[in-house]
Amino acid sequence: MKDKISTSIIDKQRHRQATKAFKRRKFSFSFYRSSNKHAKQHGQASLHQYVGQKVLTLLKHHSLIKGELQDSFFAAYKKGQFISYHTDGSAGKYAFIYQLSTGWQQKYGGQLELYPQRIKFFKRTIAPKFNSLTLLKLSHPMPHSVKLLNNPAHKHRITISGWVE
């Protein structure tokens, strides 16, 4: 997936700002995230909204929710990128992460780290695995982060993520 919206200058500046915030222990992230406001430009909105609707259907089928898709987006991570420790607050009842990266290896980093006890040293780690879906129930705050990536230039961690109410 190619980031058609930003430039390498913007990406480098965004990464520098995120790294500075991370060092100050502030929430920060450094990765490409499509947004619905750019949907017409990147042409991918229909695909990530389709995946979001499939997740919504699955949750409704299991009587977990009655709501709707709140938001969905593509995320692509390159070497050196990350998401710091945070919660999704009131973005929805569930957050979802659908993995699209094939052949991912542990040494590449990019693992999703969950802190179910709200204690930073007590964590569960989920490695990116192609065609897998992770759901986070947000009514029980689930702090999480994405480990710093150390992947080769030709490998990107790609996900479709979002929230359902």
C-alpha atoms as a PDB file:
ATOM      1  CA  MET A   1       0.000   0.000   0.000  1.00  0.00           C
ATOM      2  CA  LYS A   2       1.393   3.377  -0.911  1.00  0.00           C
ATOM      3  CA  ASP A   3       0.762   6.511   1.096  1.00  0.00           C
ATOM      4  CA  LYS A   4      -0.521   8.807  -1.653  1.00  0.00           C
ATOM      5  CA  ILE A   5      -1.519  11.564   0.757  1.00  0.00           C
ATOM      6  CA  SER A   6       1.679  12.458   2.560  1.00  0.00           C
ATOM      7  CA  THR A   7       5.224  13.072   1.443  1.00  0.00           C
ATOM      8  CA  SER A   8       8.505  11.804   2.826  1.00  0.00           C
ATOM      9  CA  ILE A   9       9.139  15.235   4.401  1.00  0.00           C
ATOM     10  CA  ILE A  10       5.811  15.136   6.260  1.00  0.00           C
ATOM     11  CA  ASP A  11       6.439  11.508   7.278  1.00  0.00           C
ATOM     12  CA  LYS A  12       9.888  12.354   8.699  1.00  0.00           C
ATOM     13  CA  GLN A  13       8.582  15.398  10.551  1.00  0.00           C
ATOM     14  CA  ARG A  14       5.625  13.404  11.936  1.00  0.00           C
ATOM     15  CA  HIS A  15       8.007  10.643  13.076  1.00  0.00           C
ATOM     16  CA  ARG A  16      10.371  13.135  14.780  1.00  0.00           C
ATOM     17  CA  GLN A  17       7.461  14.743  16.646  1.00  0.00           C
ATOM     18  CA  ALA A  18       6.104  11.340  17.715  1.00  0.00           C
ATOM     19  CA  THR A  19       9.521  10.209  18.933  1.00  0.00           C
ATOM     20  CA  LYS A  20       9.958  13.394  20.997  1.00  0.00           C
ATOM     21  CA  ALA A  21       6.511  12.924  22.585  1.00  0.00           C
ATOM     22  CA  PHE A  22       7.285   9.261  23.274  1.00  0.00           C
ATOM     23  CA  LYS A  23      10.482  10.226  25.099  1.00  0.00           C
ATOM     24  CA  ARG A  24       8.465  12.695  27.213  1.00  0.00           C
ATOM     25  CA  ARG A  25       6.084   9.787  28.068  1.00  0.00           C
ATOM     26  CA  LYS A  26       3.195  11.377  26.168  1.00  0.00           C
ATOM     27  CA  PHE A  27       0.869   9.460  23.896  1.00  0.00           C
ATOM     28  CA  SER A  28       2.328   9.322  20.424  1.00  0.00           C
ATOM     29  CA  PHE A  29       2.318   7.250  17.290  1.00  0.00           C
ATOM     30  CA  SER A  30       4.358   7.082  14.148  1.00  0.00           C
ATOM     31  CA  PHE A  31       2.687   5.272  11.260  1.00  0.00           C
ATOM     32  CA  TYR A  32       0.536   6.011   8.225  1.00  0.00           C
ATOM     33  CA  ARG A  33      -3.178   5.993   9.012  1.00  0.00           C
ATOM     34  CA  SER A  34      -5.771   6.657   6.356  1.00  0.00           C
ATOM     35  CA  SER A  35      -8.696   8.732   7.487  1.00  0.00           C
ATOM     36  CA  ASN A  36     -12.217   9.107   6.256  1.00  0.00           C
ATOM     37  CA  LYS A  37     -11.610  12.780   5.439  1.00  0.00           C
ATOM     38  CA  HIS A  38      -9.127  11.616   2.768  1.00  0.00           C
ATOM     39  CA  ALA A  39     -11.316   8.753   1.542  1.00  0.00           C
ATOM     40  CA  LYS A  40     -11.827  10.146  -1.952  1.00  0.00           C
ATOM     41  CA  GLN A  41      -8.093  10.769  -2.399  1.00  0.00           C
ATOM     42  CA  HIS A  42      -6.802   7.353  -1.419  1.00  0.00           C
ATOM     43  CA  GLY A  43      -9.751   5.280  -2.676  1.00  0.00           C
ATOM     44  CA  GLN A  44      -9.376   2.652   0.058  1.00  0.00           C
ATOM     45  CA  ALA A  45     -12.281   3.674   2.290  1.00  0.00           C
ATOM     46  CA  SER A  46     -14.734   1.211   0.758  1.00  0.00           C
ATOM     47  CA  LEU A  47     -12.410  -1.710   1.562  1.00  0.00           C
ATOM     48  CA  HIS A  48     -11.733  -0.828   5.202  1.00  0.00           C
ATOM     49  CA  GLN A  49     -15.409   0.066   5.721  1.00  0.00           C
ATOM     50  CA  TYR A  50     -16.335  -3.332   4.225  1.00  0.00           C
ATOM     51  CA  VAL A  51     -14.059  -5.102   6.726  1.00  0.00           C
ATOM     52  CA  GLY A  52     -15.539  -2.970   9.521  1.00  0.00           C
ATOM     53  CA  GLN A  53     -19.054  -3.999   8.489  1.00  0.00           C
ATOM     54  CA  LYS A  54     -18.003  -7.684   8.494  1.00  0.00           C
ATOM     55  CA  VAL A  55     -16.672  -7.290  12.049  1.00  0.00           C
ATOM     56  CA  LEU A  56     -19.919  -5.569  13.039  1.00  0.00           C
ATOM     57  CA  THR A  57     -21.968  -8.428  11.548  1.00  0.00           C
ATOM     58  CA  LEU A  58     -19.861 -10.990  13.434  1.00  0.00           C
ATOM     59  CA  LEU A  59     -20.341  -9.187  16.768  1.00  0.00           C
ATOM     60  CA  LYS A  60     -24.080  -8.777  16.182  1.00  0.00           C
ATOM     61  CA  HIS A  61     -24.388 -12.457  15.272  1.00  0.00           C
ATOM     62  CA  HIS A  62     -22.916 -13.349  18.672  1.00  0.00           C
ATOM     63  CA  SER A  63     -25.219 -10.812  20.386  1.00  0.00           C
ATOM     64  CA  LEU A  64     -22.275  -8.789  21.682  1.00  0.00           C
ATOM     65  CA  ILE A  65     -23.445  -5.445  20.333  1.00  0.00           C
ATOM     66  CA  LYS A  66     -26.447  -3.697  18.795  1.00  0.00           C
ATOM     67  CA  GLY A  67     -24.636  -0.605  17.525  1.00  0.00           C
ATOM     68  CA  GLU A  68     -22.895   0.510  14.375  1.00  0.00           C
ATOM     69  CA  LEU A  69     -19.438   0.953  12.884  1.00  0.00           C
ATOM     70  CA  GLN A  70     -17.928   4.129  14.376  1.00  0.00           C
ATOM     71  CA  ASP A  71     -14.789   4.434  12.266  1.00  0.00           C
ATOM     72  CA  SER A  72     -12.335   2.325  10.292  1.00  0.00           C
ATOM     73  CA  PHE A  73      -8.944   2.953   8.712  1.00  0.00           C
ATOM     74  CA  PHE A  74      -5.878   1.401   7.111  1.00  0.00           C
ATOM     75  CA  ALA A  75      -2.628   1.528   9.049  1.00  0.00           C
ATOM     76  CA  ALA A  76       0.797   0.868   7.559  1.00  0.00           C
ATOM     77  CA  TYR A  77       3.911   0.747   9.732  1.00  0.00           C
ATOM     78  CA  LYS A  78       7.485   1.027   8.498  1.00  0.00           C
ATOM     79  CA  LYS A  79      10.789   0.457  10.278  1.00  0.00           C
ATOM     80  CA  GLY A  80      11.129   2.649  13.382  1.00  0.00           C
ATOM     81  CA  GLN A  81       7.406   3.301  13.746  1.00  0.00           C
ATOM     82  CA  PHE A  82       5.243   2.511  16.809  1.00  0.00           C
ATOM     83  CA  ILE A  83       2.200   3.386  18.933  1.00  0.00           C
ATOM     84  CA  SER A  84       2.837   4.251  22.575  1.00  0.00           C
ATOM     85  CA  TYR A  85       0.891   2.993  25.614  1.00  0.00           C
ATOM     86  CA  HIS A  86      -2.725   4.246  25.516  1.00  0.00           C
ATOM     87  CA  THR A  87      -6.423   3.346  25.724  1.00  0.00           C
ATOM     88  CA  ASP A  88      -9.027   4.060  23.065  1.00  0.00           C
ATOM     89  CA  GLY A  89     -11.289   5.779  25.585  1.00  0.00           C
ATOM     90  CA  SER A  90     -14.897   6.007  24.439  1.00  0.00           C
ATOM     91  CA  ALA A  91     -14.307   5.363  20.733  1.00  0.00           C
ATOM     92  CA  GLY A  92     -16.786   2.465  20.841  1.00  0.00           C
ATOM     93  CA  LYS A  93     -17.644  -0.778  22.650  1.00  0.00           C
ATOM     94  CA  TYR A  94     -14.987  -2.752  20.764  1.00  0.00           C
ATOM     95  CA  ALA A  95     -11.833  -1.913  18.881  1.00  0.00           C
ATOM     96  CA  PHE A  96     -10.770  -4.290  16.108  1.00  0.00           C
ATOM     97  CA  ILE A  97      -7.484  -4.930  14.352  1.00  0.00           C
ATOM     98  CA  TYR A  98      -7.441  -7.080  11.204  1.00  0.00           C
ATOM     99  CA  GLN A  99      -3.906  -8.147  10.191  1.00  0.00           C
ATOM    100  CA  LEU A 100      -2.927  -8.089   6.520  1.00  0.00           C
ATOM    101  CA  SER A 101       0.844  -8.688   6.749  1.00  0.00           C
ATOM    102  CA  THR A 102       2.106 -11.995   5.393  1.00  0.00           C
ATOM    103  CA  GLY A 103       5.301 -13.735   6.477  1.00  0.00           C
ATOM    104  CA  TRP A 104       5.751 -11.591   9.568  1.00  0.00           C
ATOM    105  CA  GLN A 105       8.618 -12.592  11.862  1.00  0.00           C
ATOM    106  CA  GLN A 106       9.021 -11.826  15.563  1.00  0.00           C
ATOM    107  CA  LYS A 107      12.340 -10.066  14.952  1.00  0.00           C
ATOM    108  CA  TYR A 108      10.460  -7.425  12.891  1.00  0.00           C
ATOM    109  CA  GLY A 109       8.728  -6.101  16.037  1.00  0.00           C
ATOM    110  CA  GLY A 110       5.312  -4.493  15.625  1.00  0.00           C
ATOM    111  CA  GLN A 111       3.630  -6.791  18.150  1.00  0.00           C
ATOM    112  CA  LEU A 112       0.435  -5.571  19.791  1.00  0.00           C
ATOM    113  CA  GLU A 113       1.043  -5.361  23.535  1.00  0.00           C
ATOM    114  CA  LEU A 114      -2.025  -5.583  25.788  1.00  0.00           C
ATOM    115  CA  TYR A 115      -1.976  -4.607  29.455  1.00  0.00           C
ATOM    116  CA  PRO A 116      -5.128  -6.294  30.855  1.00  0.00           C
ATOM    117  CA  GLN A 117      -4.307  -5.437  34.481  1.00  0.00           C
ATOM    118  CA  ARG A 118      -3.550  -1.741  33.725  1.00  0.00           C
ATOM    119  CA  ILE A 119      -0.037  -2.441  34.978  1.00  0.00           C
ATOM    120  CA  LYS A 120       2.706  -1.761  32.463  1.00  0.00           C
ATOM    121  CA  PHE A 121       4.876  -4.732  33.411  1.00  0.00           C
ATOM    122  CA  PHE A 122       1.947  -7.199  33.181  1.00  0.00           C
ATOM    123  CA  LYS A 123       1.301  -7.622  29.492  1.00  0.00           C
ATOM    124  CA  ARG A 124       0.189 -10.019  26.799  1.00  0.00           C
ATOM    125  CA  THR A 125       1.788  -9.844  23.381  1.00  0.00           C
ATOM    126  CA  ILE A 126       0.053 -10.654  20.102  1.00  0.00           C
ATOM    127  CA  ALA A 127       2.255 -11.082  17.039  1.00  0.00           C
ATOM    128  CA  PRO A 128       0.950  -9.878  13.667  1.00  0.00           C
ATOM    129  CA  LYS A 129      -0.452 -12.921  11.869  1.00  0.00           C
ATOM    130  CA  PHE A 130      -1.965 -12.723   8.402  1.00  0.00           C
ATOM    131  CA  ASN A 131      -5.773 -12.886   8.235  1.00  0.00           C
ATOM    132  CA  SER A 132      -6.255 -12.689  12.013  1.00  0.00           C
ATOM    133  CA  LEU A 133      -8.704 -10.487  13.881  1.00  0.00           C
ATOM    134  CA  THR A 134      -8.106  -9.043  17.357  1.00  0.00           C
ATOM    135  CA  LEU A 135     -11.000  -7.534  19.337  1.00  0.00           C
ATOM    136  CA  LEU A 136     -10.524  -5.302  22.361  1.00  0.00           C
ATOM    137  CA  LYS A 137     -13.510  -4.808  24.657  1.00  0.00           C
ATOM    138  CA  LEU A 138     -13.357  -1.134  25.570  1.00  0.00           C
ATOM    139  CA  SER A 139     -15.864  -1.199  28.458  1.00  0.00           C
ATOM    140  CA  HIS A 140     -12.962  -2.643  30.452  1.00  0.00           C
ATOM    141  CA  PRO A 141     -10.179  -0.204  29.579  1.00  0.00           C
ATOM    142  CA  MET A 142      -7.558  -2.142  27.691  1.00  0.00           C
ATOM    143  CA  PRO A 143      -4.317  -0.168  27.566  1.00  0.00           C
ATOM    144  CA  HIS A 144      -2.226  -1.249  24.600  1.00  0.00           C
ATOM    145  CA  SER A 145       0.722  -0.295  22.427  1.00  0.00           C
ATOM    146  CA  VAL A 146       2.514  -1.447  19.272  1.00  0.00           C
ATOM    147  CA  LYS A 147       6.191  -2.303  19.669  1.00  0.00           C
ATOM    148  CA  LEU A 148       8.796  -0.427  17.705  1.00  0.00           C
ATOM    149  CA  LEU A 149       9.239  -1.961  14.257  1.00  0.00           C
ATOM    150  CA  ASN A 150      12.562  -3.251  13.007  1.00  0.00           C
ATOM    151  CA  ASN A 151      11.379  -4.686   9.721  1.00  0.00           C
ATOM    152  CA  PRO A 152      13.156  -4.777   6.358  1.00  0.00           C
ATOM    153  CA  ALA A 153      12.235  -1.979   3.924  1.00  0.00           C
ATOM    154  CA  HIS A 154      10.138  -4.325   1.763  1.00  0.00           C
ATOM    155  CA  LYS A 155       7.992  -5.540   4.712  1.00  0.00           C
ATOM    156  CA  HIS A 156       5.260  -3.370   6.197  1.00  0.00           C
ATOM    157  CA  ARG A 157       2.890  -4.158   9.050  1.00  0.00           C
ATOM    158  CA  ILE A 158      -0.508  -3.447   7.496  1.00  0.00           C
ATOM    159  CA  THR A 159      -3.843  -3.534   9.322  1.00  0.00           C
ATOM    160  CA  ILE A 160      -7.426  -2.468   8.998  1.00  0.00           C
ATOM    161  CA  SER A 161      -8.610  -1.157  12.356  1.00  0.00           C
ATOM    162  CA  GLY A 162     -11.601   0.606  13.796  1.00  0.00           C
ATOM    163  CA  TRP A 163     -14.277   0.797  16.435  1.00  0.00           C
ATOM    164  CA  VAL A 164     -17.841  -0.460  16.713  1.00  0.00           C
ATOM    165  CA  GLU A 165     -20.503   0.765  19.116  1.00  0.00           C
END
